[in-house]
Amino acid sequence: METTKEGVEQTVKSIGTDFVERFWQESWAYIKTVVDVVREPILILNKDLRVMAANDSFYRTFQVEPKDTEKNIVYNLGNGQWNIPALRKLLEDILPKNTFFKGFEVTHEFPVIGRKVMILNARQIHFRADSAFQPIILLAMEDVTEMMMVAETLASHTNQIETRFTEQAQKLKTHIEKLEQEINELKNRP
């Protein structure tokens, strides 16, 4: 049986393509499993910032469906609530400049779920430079709405207590001054 150079190259390409495809499928399954376990909402974005996948927490938190999320550019999700210039700059710099970000705060009034305060973190999943895989970005969101409401409530109560304390201190000062005046008058009597 004689094998030609072209036949060998075709066989190698076929095996290589099959291997790369299988490796990608296994890697993707691994990435999705890790993302699905995380409690915070997470989006997986491709190089064009289109949503490749989201975890169950994302769908529950934002009360959206995969059909309305996957394959859409992140800025177009919902009513465009993610189309924030500062976020756009951060996301668009991740791949070309090999950057990441942590702690970006977004406050938005979402259509179904109301006002939310989210802390965003994003990072590229690194593959070798010569990899056949497209780069992807993980965008994680922490809902800190309740924590912010508690902080605002505590700040409000603190301000109220401080105001009352200041008022009471002023009343006490006035009474003390009045008593000092009466004592001085009593001392000065013949």
C-alpha atoms as a PDB file:
ATOM      1  CA  MET A   1       0.000   0.000   0.000  1.00  0.00           C
ATOM      2  CA  GLU A   2       1.580   3.237  -1.143  1.00  0.00           C
ATOM      3  CA  THR A   3       0.868   6.511   0.662  1.00  0.00           C
ATOM      4  CA  THR A   4       1.300   9.868  -1.018  1.00  0.00           C
ATOM      5  CA  LYS A   5       2.569  13.006   0.690  1.00  0.00           C
ATOM      6  CA  GLU A   6      -0.777  14.685   0.133  1.00  0.00           C
ATOM      7  CA  GLY A   7      -2.585  11.709   1.671  1.00  0.00           C
ATOM      8  CA  VAL A   8      -0.361  11.801   4.778  1.00  0.00           C
ATOM      9  CA  GLU A   9      -0.819  15.571   5.136  1.00  0.00           C
ATOM     10  CA  GLN A  10      -4.579  15.161   4.797  1.00  0.00           C
ATOM     11  CA  THR A  11      -4.584  12.398   7.441  1.00  0.00           C
ATOM     12  CA  VAL A  12      -2.477  14.536   9.811  1.00  0.00           C
ATOM     13  CA  LYS A  13      -4.743  17.530   9.229  1.00  0.00           C
ATOM     14  CA  SER A  14      -7.779  15.362   9.875  1.00  0.00           C
ATOM     15  CA  ILE A  15      -6.331  13.929  13.074  1.00  0.00           C
ATOM     16  CA  GLY A  16      -5.153  17.367  14.120  1.00  0.00           C
ATOM     17  CA  THR A  17      -8.535  18.941  13.480  1.00  0.00           C
ATOM     18  CA  ASP A  18     -10.306  16.131  15.321  1.00  0.00           C
ATOM     19  CA  PHE A  19      -7.883  16.436  18.232  1.00  0.00           C
ATOM     20  CA  VAL A  20      -8.237  20.220  18.432  1.00  0.00           C
ATOM     21  CA  GLU A  21     -12.033  19.965  18.234  1.00  0.00           C
ATOM     22  CA  ARG A  22     -12.135  17.265  20.930  1.00  0.00           C
ATOM     23  CA  PHE A  23      -9.727  19.225  23.115  1.00  0.00           C
ATOM     24  CA  TRP A  24     -11.849  22.381  22.718  1.00  0.00           C
ATOM     25  CA  GLN A  25     -15.037  20.466  23.599  1.00  0.00           C
ATOM     26  CA  GLU A  26     -13.401  19.050  26.741  1.00  0.00           C
ATOM     27  CA  SER A  27     -11.962  22.449  27.684  1.00  0.00           C
ATOM     28  CA  TRP A  28     -15.305  24.142  27.076  1.00  0.00           C
ATOM     29  CA  ALA A  29     -17.087  21.552  29.233  1.00  0.00           C
ATOM     30  CA  TYR A  30     -14.526  22.161  31.977  1.00  0.00           C
ATOM     31  CA  ILE A  31     -14.890  25.965  31.781  1.00  0.00           C
ATOM     32  CA  LYS A  32     -18.710  25.748  31.765  1.00  0.00           C
ATOM     33  CA  THR A  33     -18.689  23.388  34.766  1.00  0.00           C
ATOM     34  CA  VAL A  34     -16.515  25.750  36.787  1.00  0.00           C
ATOM     35  CA  VAL A  35     -18.621  28.762  35.790  1.00  0.00           C
ATOM     36  CA  ASP A  36     -21.887  26.951  36.615  1.00  0.00           C
ATOM     37  CA  VAL A  37     -20.677  26.156  40.145  1.00  0.00           C
ATOM     38  CA  VAL A  38     -19.962  29.800  40.997  1.00  0.00           C
ATOM     39  CA  ARG A  39     -22.737  31.540  42.933  1.00  0.00           C
ATOM     40  CA  GLU A  40     -22.228  34.948  41.344  1.00  0.00           C
ATOM     41  CA  PRO A  41     -23.628  35.708  37.897  1.00  0.00           C
ATOM     42  CA  ILE A  42     -21.015  35.127  35.182  1.00  0.00           C
ATOM     43  CA  LEU A  43     -20.911  35.735  31.451  1.00  0.00           C
ATOM     44  CA  ILE A  44     -18.434  34.115  29.070  1.00  0.00           C
ATOM     45  CA  LEU A  45     -17.675  36.509  26.227  1.00  0.00           C
ATOM     46  CA  ASN A  46     -15.901  35.834  22.949  1.00  0.00           C
ATOM     47  CA  LYS A  47     -13.365  38.164  21.326  1.00  0.00           C
ATOM     48  CA  ASP A  48     -16.213  40.223  19.842  1.00  0.00           C
ATOM     49  CA  LEU A  49     -17.779  40.593  23.315  1.00  0.00           C
ATOM     50  CA  ARG A  50     -20.696  38.362  22.360  1.00  0.00           C
ATOM     51  CA  VAL A  51     -22.108  36.173  25.098  1.00  0.00           C
ATOM     52  CA  MET A  52     -21.033  32.590  24.535  1.00  0.00           C
ATOM     53  CA  ALA A  53     -22.680  31.370  27.728  1.00  0.00           C
ATOM     54  CA  ALA A  54     -23.949  32.492  31.124  1.00  0.00           C
ATOM     55  CA  ASN A  55     -24.391  30.563  34.328  1.00  0.00           C
ATOM     56  CA  ASP A  56     -27.699  29.790  36.043  1.00  0.00           C
ATOM     57  CA  SER A  57     -27.031  32.497  38.605  1.00  0.00           C
ATOM     58  CA  PHE A  58     -26.948  35.110  35.823  1.00  0.00           C
ATOM     59  CA  TYR A  59     -30.283  33.936  34.429  1.00  0.00           C
ATOM     60  CA  ARG A  60     -31.882  33.863  37.905  1.00  0.00           C
ATOM     61  CA  THR A  61     -30.482  37.208  39.037  1.00  0.00           C
ATOM     62  CA  PHE A  62     -31.459  39.119  35.904  1.00  0.00           C
ATOM     63  CA  GLN A  63     -34.549  37.011  35.158  1.00  0.00           C
ATOM     64  CA  VAL A  64     -33.607  36.503  31.512  1.00  0.00           C
ATOM     65  CA  GLU A  65     -33.535  33.519  29.174  1.00  0.00           C
ATOM     66  CA  PRO A  66     -30.562  32.033  27.286  1.00  0.00           C
ATOM     67  CA  LYS A  67     -32.250  32.835  23.951  1.00  0.00           C
ATOM     68  CA  ASP A  68     -32.250  36.531  24.896  1.00  0.00           C
ATOM     69  CA  THR A  69     -28.655  36.437  26.118  1.00  0.00           C
ATOM     70  CA  GLU A  70     -26.420  34.052  24.195  1.00  0.00           C
ATOM     71  CA  LYS A  71     -24.858  35.259  20.946  1.00  0.00           C
ATOM     72  CA  ASN A  72     -25.769  38.876  21.786  1.00  0.00           C
ATOM     73  CA  ILE A  73     -23.145  41.553  22.280  1.00  0.00           C
ATOM     74  CA  VAL A  74     -22.905  42.277  26.004  1.00  0.00           C
ATOM     75  CA  TYR A  75     -23.827  45.952  25.461  1.00  0.00           C
ATOM     76  CA  ASN A  76     -27.137  44.981  23.852  1.00  0.00           C
ATOM     77  CA  LEU A  77     -28.369  42.775  26.694  1.00  0.00           C
ATOM     78  CA  GLY A  78     -31.712  43.720  28.189  1.00  0.00           C
ATOM     79  CA  ASN A  79     -32.490  47.307  27.387  1.00  0.00           C
ATOM     80  CA  GLY A  80     -28.846  48.251  26.809  1.00  0.00           C
ATOM     81  CA  GLN A  81     -28.104  48.554  30.521  1.00  0.00           C
ATOM     82  CA  TRP A  82     -24.549  47.252  30.006  1.00  0.00           C
ATOM     83  CA  ASN A  83     -23.766  49.920  27.395  1.00  0.00           C
ATOM     84  CA  ILE A  84     -21.763  52.020  29.838  1.00  0.00           C
ATOM     85  CA  PRO A  85     -18.835  53.969  28.326  1.00  0.00           C
ATOM     86  CA  ALA A  86     -16.419  53.237  31.198  1.00  0.00           C
ATOM     87  CA  LEU A  87     -17.320  49.514  31.179  1.00  0.00           C
ATOM     88  CA  ARG A  88     -17.039  49.452  27.399  1.00  0.00           C
ATOM     89  CA  LYS A  89     -13.484  50.848  27.604  1.00  0.00           C
ATOM     90  CA  LEU A  90     -12.480  48.313  30.264  1.00  0.00           C
ATOM     91  CA  LEU A  91     -13.895  45.341  28.339  1.00  0.00           C
ATOM     92  CA  GLU A  92     -12.488  46.435  24.995  1.00  0.00           C
ATOM     93  CA  ASP A  93      -8.978  46.780  26.492  1.00  0.00           C
ATOM     94  CA  ILE A  94      -8.836  43.268  27.979  1.00  0.00           C
ATOM     95  CA  LEU A  95      -7.773  41.311  24.902  1.00  0.00           C
ATOM     96  CA  PRO A  96      -5.595  43.764  22.965  1.00  0.00           C
ATOM     97  CA  LYS A  97      -3.834  45.160  26.038  1.00  0.00           C
ATOM     98  CA  ASN A  98      -3.933  41.947  28.093  1.00  0.00           C
ATOM     99  CA  THR A  99      -5.582  43.755  31.010  1.00  0.00           C
ATOM    100  CA  PHE A 100      -8.252  42.835  33.530  1.00  0.00           C
ATOM    101  CA  PHE A 101     -10.361  44.736  35.993  1.00  0.00           C
ATOM    102  CA  LYS A 102     -11.772  44.235  39.466  1.00  0.00           C
ATOM    103  CA  GLY A 103     -14.260  46.212  41.484  1.00  0.00           C
ATOM    104  CA  PHE A 104     -16.023  48.194  38.738  1.00  0.00           C
ATOM    105  CA  GLU A 105     -19.324  49.387  40.236  1.00  0.00           C
ATOM    106  CA  VAL A 106     -22.479  49.533  38.146  1.00  0.00           C
ATOM    107  CA  THR A 107     -25.773  50.907  39.475  1.00  0.00           C
ATOM    108  CA  HIS A 108     -28.731  50.442  37.201  1.00  0.00           C
ATOM    109  CA  GLU A 109     -32.506  50.253  37.205  1.00  0.00           C
ATOM    110  CA  PHE A 110     -33.200  46.914  35.503  1.00  0.00           C
ATOM    111  CA  PRO A 111     -36.581  46.427  33.770  1.00  0.00           C
ATOM    112  CA  VAL A 112     -37.881  43.441  35.744  1.00  0.00           C
ATOM    113  CA  ILE A 113     -35.741  43.260  38.890  1.00  0.00           C
ATOM    114  CA  GLY A 114     -35.441  46.948  39.773  1.00  0.00           C
ATOM    115  CA  ARG A 115     -32.408  48.843  41.044  1.00  0.00           C
ATOM    116  CA  LYS A 116     -29.241  46.800  41.437  1.00  0.00           C
ATOM    117  CA  VAL A 117     -25.731  47.683  42.467  1.00  0.00           C
ATOM    118  CA  MET A 118     -23.235  45.291  40.916  1.00  0.00           C
ATOM    119  CA  ILE A 119     -19.468  44.951  41.315  1.00  0.00           C
ATOM    120  CA  LEU A 120     -17.902  43.647  38.093  1.00  0.00           C
ATOM    121  CA  ASN A 121     -14.647  41.770  37.565  1.00  0.00           C
ATOM    122  CA  ALA A 122     -13.358  40.594  34.187  1.00  0.00           C
ATOM    123  CA  ARG A 123     -10.366  38.668  32.969  1.00  0.00           C
ATOM    124  CA  GLN A 124      -9.234  36.857  29.851  1.00  0.00           C
ATOM    125  CA  ILE A 125      -8.858  33.096  29.965  1.00  0.00           C
ATOM    126  CA  HIS A 126      -5.335  32.682  28.664  1.00  0.00           C
ATOM    127  CA  PHE A 127      -4.401  30.235  25.979  1.00  0.00           C
ATOM    128  CA  ARG A 128      -0.963  29.904  24.443  1.00  0.00           C
ATOM    129  CA  ALA A 129      -0.195  32.521  21.804  1.00  0.00           C
ATOM    130  CA  ASP A 130      -0.061  29.866  19.096  1.00  0.00           C
ATOM    131  CA  SER A 131      -3.281  28.223  20.273  1.00  0.00           C
ATOM    132  CA  ALA A 132      -6.059  27.418  17.842  1.00  0.00           C
ATOM    133  CA  PHE A 133      -8.595  28.569  20.430  1.00  0.00           C
ATOM    134  CA  GLN A 134     -10.180  31.973  20.385  1.00  0.00           C
ATOM    135  CA  PRO A 135      -9.583  34.067  23.497  1.00  0.00           C
ATOM    136  CA  ILE A 136     -12.512  34.354  25.881  1.00  0.00           C
ATOM    137  CA  ILE A 137     -13.358  36.707  28.717  1.00  0.00           C
ATOM    138  CA  LEU A 138     -15.018  35.860  32.016  1.00  0.00           C
ATOM    139  CA  LEU A 139     -17.198  38.678  33.337  1.00  0.00           C
ATOM    140  CA  ALA A 140     -18.262  38.074  36.934  1.00  0.00           C
ATOM    141  CA  MET A 141     -20.873  40.140  38.752  1.00  0.00           C
ATOM    142  CA  GLU A 142     -21.429  40.458  42.466  1.00  0.00           C
ATOM    143  CA  ASP A 143     -24.808  41.805  43.530  1.00  0.00           C
ATOM    144  CA  VAL A 144     -24.089  44.162  46.438  1.00  0.00           C
ATOM    145  CA  THR A 145     -27.505  45.842  46.415  1.00  0.00           C
ATOM    146  CA  GLU A 146     -28.557  44.561  49.846  1.00  0.00           C
ATOM    147  CA  MET A 147     -25.153  45.345  51.322  1.00  0.00           C
ATOM    148  CA  MET A 148     -25.366  48.891  49.956  1.00  0.00           C
ATOM    149  CA  MET A 149     -28.908  49.284  51.330  1.00  0.00           C
ATOM    150  CA  VAL A 150     -27.691  48.155  54.769  1.00  0.00           C
ATOM    151  CA  ALA A 151     -24.763  50.584  54.553  1.00  0.00           C
ATOM    152  CA  GLU A 152     -27.106  53.416  53.534  1.00  0.00           C
ATOM    153  CA  THR A 153     -29.491  52.545  56.391  1.00  0.00           C
ATOM    154  CA  LEU A 154     -26.612  52.472  58.894  1.00  0.00           C
ATOM    155  CA  ALA A 155     -25.319  55.805  57.592  1.00  0.00           C
ATOM    156  CA  SER A 156     -28.801  57.304  57.890  1.00  0.00           C
ATOM    157  CA  HIS A 157     -29.229  56.015  61.464  1.00  0.00           C
ATOM    158  CA  THR A 158     -25.753  57.240  62.345  1.00  0.00           C
ATOM    159  CA  ASN A 159     -26.623  60.706  61.019  1.00  0.00           C
ATOM    160  CA  GLN A 160     -29.902  60.719  62.955  1.00  0.00           C
ATOM    161  CA  ILE A 161     -28.155  59.673  66.194  1.00  0.00           C
ATOM    162  CA  GLU A 162     -25.418  62.246  65.630  1.00  0.00           C
ATOM    163  CA  THR A 163     -28.036  64.972  65.055  1.00  0.00           C
ATOM    164  CA  ARG A 164     -29.924  63.999  68.225  1.00  0.00           C
ATOM    165  CA  PHE A 165     -26.671  63.825  70.193  1.00  0.00           C
ATOM    166  CA  THR A 166     -25.683  67.285  68.945  1.00  0.00           C
ATOM    167  CA  GLU A 167     -29.134  68.677  69.848  1.00  0.00           C
ATOM    168  CA  GLN A 168     -29.004  67.102  73.326  1.00  0.00           C
ATOM    169  CA  ALA A 169     -25.442  68.345  73.859  1.00  0.00           C
ATOM    170  CA  GLN A 170     -26.520  71.856  72.872  1.00  0.00           C
ATOM    171  CA  LYS A 171     -29.487  71.726  75.309  1.00  0.00           C
ATOM    172  CA  LEU A 172     -27.181  70.463  78.056  1.00  0.00           C
ATOM    173  CA  LYS A 173     -24.682  73.236  77.305  1.00  0.00           C
ATOM    174  CA  THR A 174     -27.486  75.812  77.507  1.00  0.00           C
ATOM    175  CA  HIS A 175     -28.642  74.422  80.882  1.00  0.00           C
ATOM    176  CA  ILE A 176     -25.080  74.347  82.223  1.00  0.00           C
ATOM    177  CA  GLU A 177     -24.514  77.951  81.133  1.00  0.00           C
ATOM    178  CA  LYS A 178     -27.768  78.931  82.813  1.00  0.00           C
ATOM    179  CA  LEU A 179     -26.757  77.138  86.038  1.00  0.00           C
ATOM    180  CA  GLU A 180     -23.302  78.756  85.945  1.00  0.00           C
ATOM    181  CA  GLN A 181     -24.961  82.140  85.561  1.00  0.00           C
ATOM    182  CA  GLU A 182     -27.267  81.466  88.536  1.00  0.00           C
ATOM    183  CA  ILE A 183     -24.313  80.264  90.642  1.00  0.00           C
ATOM    184  CA  ASN A 184     -22.329  83.367  89.767  1.00  0.00           C
ATOM    185  CA  GLU A 185     -25.317  85.551  90.677  1.00  0.00           C
ATOM    186  CA  LEU A 186     -25.613  83.746  94.020  1.00  0.00           C
ATOM    187  CA  LYS A 187     -21.866  84.231  94.693  1.00  0.00           C
ATOM    188  CA  ASN A 188     -22.079  87.919  93.902  1.00  0.00           C
ATOM    189  CA  ARG A 189     -24.972  88.610  96.345  1.00  0.00           C
ATOM    190  CA  PRO A 190     -24.064  90.491  99.492  1.00  0.00           C
END
